Amino acid sequence: MRLNDCKFIGNLVADPHLKQTKSGVDRCTFTMAVNSYRKAKDPLFLRVASFRHAAQFAGNNLTKGSPVLVEGEL
């Protein structure tokens, strides 16, 4: 069991950016908004980076407003 795991569900606030690193690995970055269960609280904005196949999928299939579930490490 890893204690550093986290999962977030939210929506993209802008279209993702798909690029390649200097070594040729696909990299996709996007910002997502995660709403609180409390209506009065502001959303949490997270900057996310994905690599390789996950980056290709995100860059080719997601757009602004798309719902996403992100799982990873902090």
N, C-alpha and C. Protein backbone atom coordinates (compact mmCIF):
# COMPACT_ATOMS: atom_id res chain seq x y z
N MET A 1 0.84 -1.18 0.00
CA MET A 1 0.00 0.00 0.00
C MET A 1 0.89 1.24 0.00
N ARG A 2 0.56 2.18 -0.86
CA ARG A 2 1.31 3.43 -0.92
C ARG A 2 0.47 4.52 -0.26
N LEU A 3 1.10 5.30 0.57
CA LEU A 3 0.38 6.36 1.28
C LEU A 3 0.34 7.67 0.51
N ASN A 4 1.00 7.74 -0.60
CA ASN A 4 1.09 8.97 -1.36
C ASN A 4 0.12 9.00 -2.54
N ASP A 5 -0.79 8.04 -2.63
CA ASP A 5 -1.75 7.98 -3.73
C ASP A 5 -2.86 9.00 -3.54
N CYS A 6 -3.34 9.55 -4.66
CA CYS A 6 -4.46 10.47 -4.60
C CYS A 6 -5.30 10.30 -5.88
N LYS A 7 -6.58 10.63 -5.77
CA LYS A 7 -7.50 10.58 -6.90
C LYS A 7 -8.33 11.85 -6.88
N PHE A 8 -8.49 12.46 -8.05
CA PHE A 8 -9.28 13.67 -8.18
C PHE A 8 -10.22 13.53 -9.36
N ILE A 9 -11.45 14.02 -9.20
CA ILE A 9 -12.43 14.04 -10.28
C ILE A 9 -12.79 15.50 -10.51
N GLY A 10 -12.73 15.93 -11.76
CA GLY A 10 -13.05 17.32 -12.07
C GLY A 10 -13.22 17.52 -13.56
N ASN A 11 -13.08 18.76 -13.99
CA ASN A 11 -13.25 19.12 -15.39
C ASN A 11 -12.06 19.96 -15.86
N LEU A 12 -11.69 19.80 -17.13
CA LEU A 12 -10.61 20.60 -17.70
C LEU A 12 -11.06 22.04 -17.83
N VAL A 13 -10.18 22.97 -17.49
CA VAL A 13 -10.51 24.40 -17.60
C VAL A 13 -10.01 24.98 -18.93
N ALA A 14 -9.20 24.23 -19.66
CA ALA A 14 -8.70 24.65 -20.98
C ALA A 14 -8.30 23.40 -21.76
N ASP A 15 -8.10 23.56 -23.05
CA ASP A 15 -7.65 22.43 -23.86
C ASP A 15 -6.26 21.98 -23.41
N PRO A 16 -6.00 20.66 -23.45
CA PRO A 16 -4.68 20.16 -23.05
C PRO A 16 -3.60 20.53 -24.07
N HIS A 17 -2.35 20.54 -23.61
CA HIS A 17 -1.20 20.86 -24.47
C HIS A 17 -0.35 19.60 -24.62
N LEU A 18 -0.29 19.07 -25.82
CA LEU A 18 0.48 17.86 -26.10
C LEU A 18 1.78 18.26 -26.79
N LYS A 19 2.91 17.88 -26.21
CA LYS A 19 4.23 18.17 -26.76
C LYS A 19 5.14 16.97 -26.55
N GLN A 20 6.34 17.04 -27.08
CA GLN A 20 7.33 16.01 -26.85
C GLN A 20 8.49 16.59 -26.07
N THR A 21 9.06 15.77 -25.18
CA THR A 21 10.24 16.18 -24.44
C THR A 21 11.44 16.15 -25.37
N LYS A 22 12.58 16.63 -24.90
CA LYS A 22 13.80 16.61 -25.71
C LYS A 22 14.21 15.20 -26.09
N SER A 23 13.85 14.23 -25.25
CA SER A 23 14.20 12.84 -25.54
C SER A 23 13.14 12.13 -26.39
N GLY A 24 12.09 12.86 -26.81
CA GLY A 24 11.09 12.28 -27.71
C GLY A 24 9.91 11.63 -27.04
N VAL A 25 9.75 11.80 -25.73
CA VAL A 25 8.62 11.21 -25.00
C VAL A 25 7.44 12.17 -25.05
N ASP A 26 6.25 11.65 -25.37
CA ASP A 26 5.05 12.49 -25.39
C ASP A 26 4.72 12.96 -23.99
N ARG A 27 4.34 14.25 -23.88
CA ARG A 27 3.99 14.84 -22.59
C ARG A 27 2.77 15.72 -22.81
N CYS A 28 1.74 15.54 -21.98
CA CYS A 28 0.53 16.33 -22.08
C CYS A 28 0.29 17.01 -20.73
N THR A 29 0.04 18.31 -20.75
CA THR A 29 -0.26 19.04 -19.53
C THR A 29 -1.64 19.68 -19.67
N PHE A 30 -2.34 19.75 -18.55
CA PHE A 30 -3.64 20.40 -18.52
C PHE A 30 -3.95 20.82 -17.09
N THR A 31 -4.89 21.74 -16.96
CA THR A 31 -5.36 22.19 -15.66
C THR A 31 -6.79 21.72 -15.48
N MET A 32 -7.07 21.19 -14.30
CA MET A 32 -8.42 20.72 -14.00
C MET A 32 -8.94 21.42 -12.75
N ALA A 33 -10.25 21.60 -12.69
CA ALA A 33 -10.90 22.18 -11.53
C ALA A 33 -11.65 21.08 -10.80
N VAL A 34 -11.42 20.99 -9.49
CA VAL A 34 -12.09 20.00 -8.65
C VAL A 34 -12.99 20.77 -7.70
N ASN A 35 -14.30 20.53 -7.80
CA ASN A 35 -15.26 21.22 -6.94
C ASN A 35 -15.32 20.57 -5.57
N SER A 36 -15.59 21.38 -4.58
CA SER A 36 -15.77 20.90 -3.21
C SER A 36 -17.20 20.42 -3.03
N TYR A 37 -17.41 19.55 -2.05
CA TYR A 37 -18.77 19.13 -1.74
C TYR A 37 -19.57 20.29 -1.13
N ARG A 38 -18.86 21.23 -0.54
CA ARG A 38 -19.52 22.42 0.02
C ARG A 38 -19.65 23.46 -1.08
N LYS A 39 -20.84 23.94 -1.30
CA LYS A 39 -21.10 24.88 -2.39
C LYS A 39 -20.37 26.21 -2.21
N ALA A 40 -20.13 26.63 -0.98
CA ALA A 40 -19.54 27.94 -0.71
C ALA A 40 -18.03 27.98 -0.94
N LYS A 41 -17.39 26.83 -1.04
CA LYS A 41 -15.93 26.80 -1.21
C LYS A 41 -15.55 26.95 -2.68
N ASP A 42 -14.41 27.60 -2.92
CA ASP A 42 -13.89 27.74 -4.28
C ASP A 42 -13.34 26.40 -4.76
N PRO A 43 -13.33 26.17 -6.09
CA PRO A 43 -12.76 24.92 -6.61
C PRO A 43 -11.24 24.89 -6.43
N LEU A 44 -10.71 23.69 -6.41
CA LEU A 44 -9.27 23.47 -6.35
C LEU A 44 -8.78 23.30 -7.78
N PHE A 45 -7.79 24.08 -8.19
CA PHE A 45 -7.24 24.00 -9.54
C PHE A 45 -5.92 23.23 -9.47
N LEU A 46 -5.83 22.15 -10.25
CA LEU A 46 -4.65 21.30 -10.26
C LEU A 46 -4.02 21.29 -11.64
N ARG A 47 -2.70 21.41 -11.68
CA ARG A 47 -1.94 21.31 -12.92
C ARG A 47 -1.47 19.86 -13.02
N VAL A 48 -1.79 19.19 -14.12
CA VAL A 48 -1.53 17.76 -14.29
C VAL A 48 -0.61 17.55 -15.49
N ALA A 49 0.32 16.62 -15.36
CA ALA A 49 1.19 16.21 -16.48
C ALA A 49 1.07 14.71 -16.64
N SER A 50 0.90 14.27 -17.88
CA SER A 50 0.88 12.84 -18.18
C SER A 50 1.90 12.56 -19.27
N PHE A 51 2.34 11.31 -19.36
CA PHE A 51 3.41 10.95 -20.28
C PHE A 51 3.04 9.71 -21.08
N ARG A 52 3.70 9.56 -22.22
CA ARG A 52 3.60 8.42 -23.12
C ARG A 52 2.17 8.19 -23.61
N HIS A 53 1.63 6.98 -23.42
CA HIS A 53 0.31 6.64 -23.96
C HIS A 53 -0.80 7.46 -23.30
N ALA A 54 -0.69 7.71 -22.01
CA ALA A 54 -1.70 8.53 -21.32
C ALA A 54 -1.69 9.95 -21.88
N ALA A 55 -0.52 10.46 -22.21
CA ALA A 55 -0.41 11.80 -22.80
C ALA A 55 -1.05 11.84 -24.18
N GLN A 56 -0.81 10.83 -24.99
CA GLN A 56 -1.41 10.77 -26.33
C GLN A 56 -2.93 10.73 -26.23
N PHE A 57 -3.44 9.91 -25.31
CA PHE A 57 -4.89 9.81 -25.14
C PHE A 57 -5.49 11.14 -24.70
N ALA A 58 -4.90 11.76 -23.70
CA ALA A 58 -5.43 13.03 -23.19
C ALA A 58 -5.37 14.11 -24.26
N GLY A 59 -4.25 14.22 -24.95
CA GLY A 59 -4.09 15.25 -25.97
C GLY A 59 -5.03 15.10 -27.15
N ASN A 60 -5.34 13.85 -27.51
CA ASN A 60 -6.18 13.59 -28.68
C ASN A 60 -7.67 13.52 -28.38
N ASN A 61 -8.06 13.28 -27.12
CA ASN A 61 -9.46 13.02 -26.82
C ASN A 61 -10.12 14.00 -25.86
N LEU A 62 -9.35 14.80 -25.14
CA LEU A 62 -9.94 15.70 -24.16
C LEU A 62 -9.96 17.13 -24.68
N THR A 63 -10.96 17.89 -24.26
CA THR A 63 -11.09 19.29 -24.60
C THR A 63 -11.56 20.04 -23.36
N LYS A 64 -11.58 21.35 -23.46
CA LYS A 64 -12.05 22.18 -22.35
C LYS A 64 -13.43 21.72 -21.91
N GLY A 65 -13.61 21.52 -20.59
CA GLY A 65 -14.89 21.08 -20.04
C GLY A 65 -15.02 19.58 -19.90
N SER A 66 -14.10 18.81 -20.46
CA SER A 66 -14.18 17.34 -20.37
C SER A 66 -14.05 16.90 -18.92
N PRO A 67 -14.91 15.95 -18.50
CA PRO A 67 -14.74 15.39 -17.16
C PRO A 67 -13.56 14.42 -17.14
N VAL A 68 -12.76 14.47 -16.08
CA VAL A 68 -11.59 13.60 -15.98
C VAL A 68 -11.46 13.06 -14.56
N LEU A 69 -10.89 11.88 -14.46
CA LEU A 69 -10.48 11.30 -13.20
C LEU A 69 -8.96 11.13 -13.29
N VAL A 70 -8.24 11.72 -12.36
CA VAL A 70 -6.79 11.67 -12.35
C VAL A 70 -6.35 10.91 -11.11
N GLU A 71 -5.49 9.93 -11.32
CA GLU A 71 -4.94 9.15 -10.21
C GLU A 71 -3.43 9.23 -10.30
N GLY A 72 -2.77 9.47 -9.18
CA GLY A 72 -1.33 9.55 -9.20
C GLY A 72 -0.74 9.81 -7.84
N GLU A 73 0.47 10.35 -7.84
CA GLU A 73 1.18 10.66 -6.60
C GLU A 73 1.38 12.15 -6.50
N LEU A 74 1.37 12.66 -5.27
CA LEU A 74 1.68 14.07 -5.04
C LEU A 74 3.18 14.25 -5.02
